[in-house]
Amino acid sequence: MMTIREVEALASGGESDIIEFKRSTGQRSDAMRTICGMLNGRGGYVLFGVTDAGAIEGQEVSTRTMEDIAHELRKIDPQPALTPERVVLESGREVIVLVAPGNSGGPFTYDGRPNVRNGPLTAAMPHERYRQLLLERIHPLHRWETQPAHGFGIEDLDTREIVVTIEEAIRRSRLEDPGTRDPERLLRGLRLMHDGQLRNAAVILFARADRVLPHYPQCLLRLARFRGADKTEFIDHRREVGNAFDLLVRAQRFLMDHLPVAGRVVPNQMERVDEPLYPPVALREALANALCHRDYAMPGGSVGIAMYDDRLEITSTGRLPFGLTPRDLVTDHTSLPWNPLIASVFYLRGIIEQWGRGTLKIRSLAEQAGLVAPEFDERGGEVVVRFNPMRYVAPSRVSRPLSPLQQQILQVLAAIGSASIGEIHGQLASEVPRPTVKDNLQILRQLELVRMTGRGRGTRWNLA
């Protein structure tokens, strides 16, 4: 039972997203909306008998008082198991405390309406959020990945991929040899068949590319290399369909075709050390997570790679489930995969290592490679992982396209800092007349990409 000291501690902190004060149970309707919002979020405390300023006054409490609270609690659906606690003050008056557990199912409604906490305020829950919570509520028993794949049979699957998965799991000691390579028996062992019918997860994992459409348009990978820092102009644009393993391979090929190379000029040597701008192993981990955990129930959904001059983004359709936020993804968090069957097969195959650790691994791999920590975000119904470069990358265009020589000059300045024309000329990988270098520096200056200091032989050039 709660003590007076605990009530004092709660009251001293003021109101917040998890604490609200009510002077008396005369405000019980507002209090129940708050309880509803807390149940739909992190949980919290509602204290009757405490003023808005946090003064503990208490109130007279009778049998009728408790009946009124119980009556209002019954208007919350689904019915939470909440028991009001009564804390007696020295004056004889009482504080009534309601404790709402967080992340406890739902979505909850009060008097037919769902609510949510926004800081110390309670508001109506947005329809999209309510829909997401409803899906999470029925998810364990009615997951899309477990539903029958109507019209699909084993002949529509890449059986070689099934056998490779099993043999790789055995090699990694993640599965004992089942003693068979019969596709149907293997699928049953992986829980990808039920009563002789393939499940949706089996199609996502093993469908032949020529059998995916038109029934599973969500087996889609969107690939784009944009010129510049926005989506105004494409350099390359592809749409690929296939099973999850096939899409992972195609994504890696696209990255190999377009992954920027960051050149590092070695001082006093006529050579450059070229390294990928983004660590491929971190990108692969992000792609695997996107393919595993995205919402496949949305037919128009996809996984995407968008590469710009200044960043790379990997996106997947859906929202972060079970109350997770982008901030949670960069700390230790409970693993609650949206597609446990698909994630399990990815684990057996050795593509992911440990549920709930993927985002932390992405961050660690990027930081080991010298990158700024990747950003995790939710945007327009999709989850985004954003990688920023390890070092300066010369743009391909600003207000106009830049030539390869102009990009080289910018890259040299990024590597060696302030330099004379002679020093810049000496570091260029290609044979270029010195006057040409000077002319291109002036063009870059007009574009406000470089700046000049000093005069005559003392002139130095720097990145703007």
Foldseek 3Di string as FASTA:
>chain_A
DDEPVNLLVLLVVAFKLAEEEALACVCVLVVVLSLLQQQAAAWHKYKHQADNNSRRGAAADDPVSLVVNVVQQVQKPPRDPWDWDWYADPVRHTMIMITRHYLPADNIDGNPFGWHGDIRDIDGDDPVSNVQSVCVNCLVPDPQQQAFPPPDDPVQWDLVQLQLLQVLLVVVVNDDPPVDSPSVVSCVVLVQDDPRTGGNLRCQATGAQVPCPDSQLQQKEWEFEAAADDNPGTPDTDIGGDHLVVVLVVVLVSCVVDFDWAWAFDPPDLDIDTDGQFDSLLVLLVSVCQSFAARSVDSPWYWYWYHYQWKIKIKGAADDHSNDAQVCLCDQDDFDGSHVSNVVSCCSNVSDPDGRCSSNVSQVVRVVVQWDGWGWHDDDRMIMTMTGTNFDFQHQDDPGGDDPLLRLLLSVCRNPPKDDLVVSCSRRNDNDDSVVSVVSLVVCVVVQQKDWDDDDPPIIIHGD
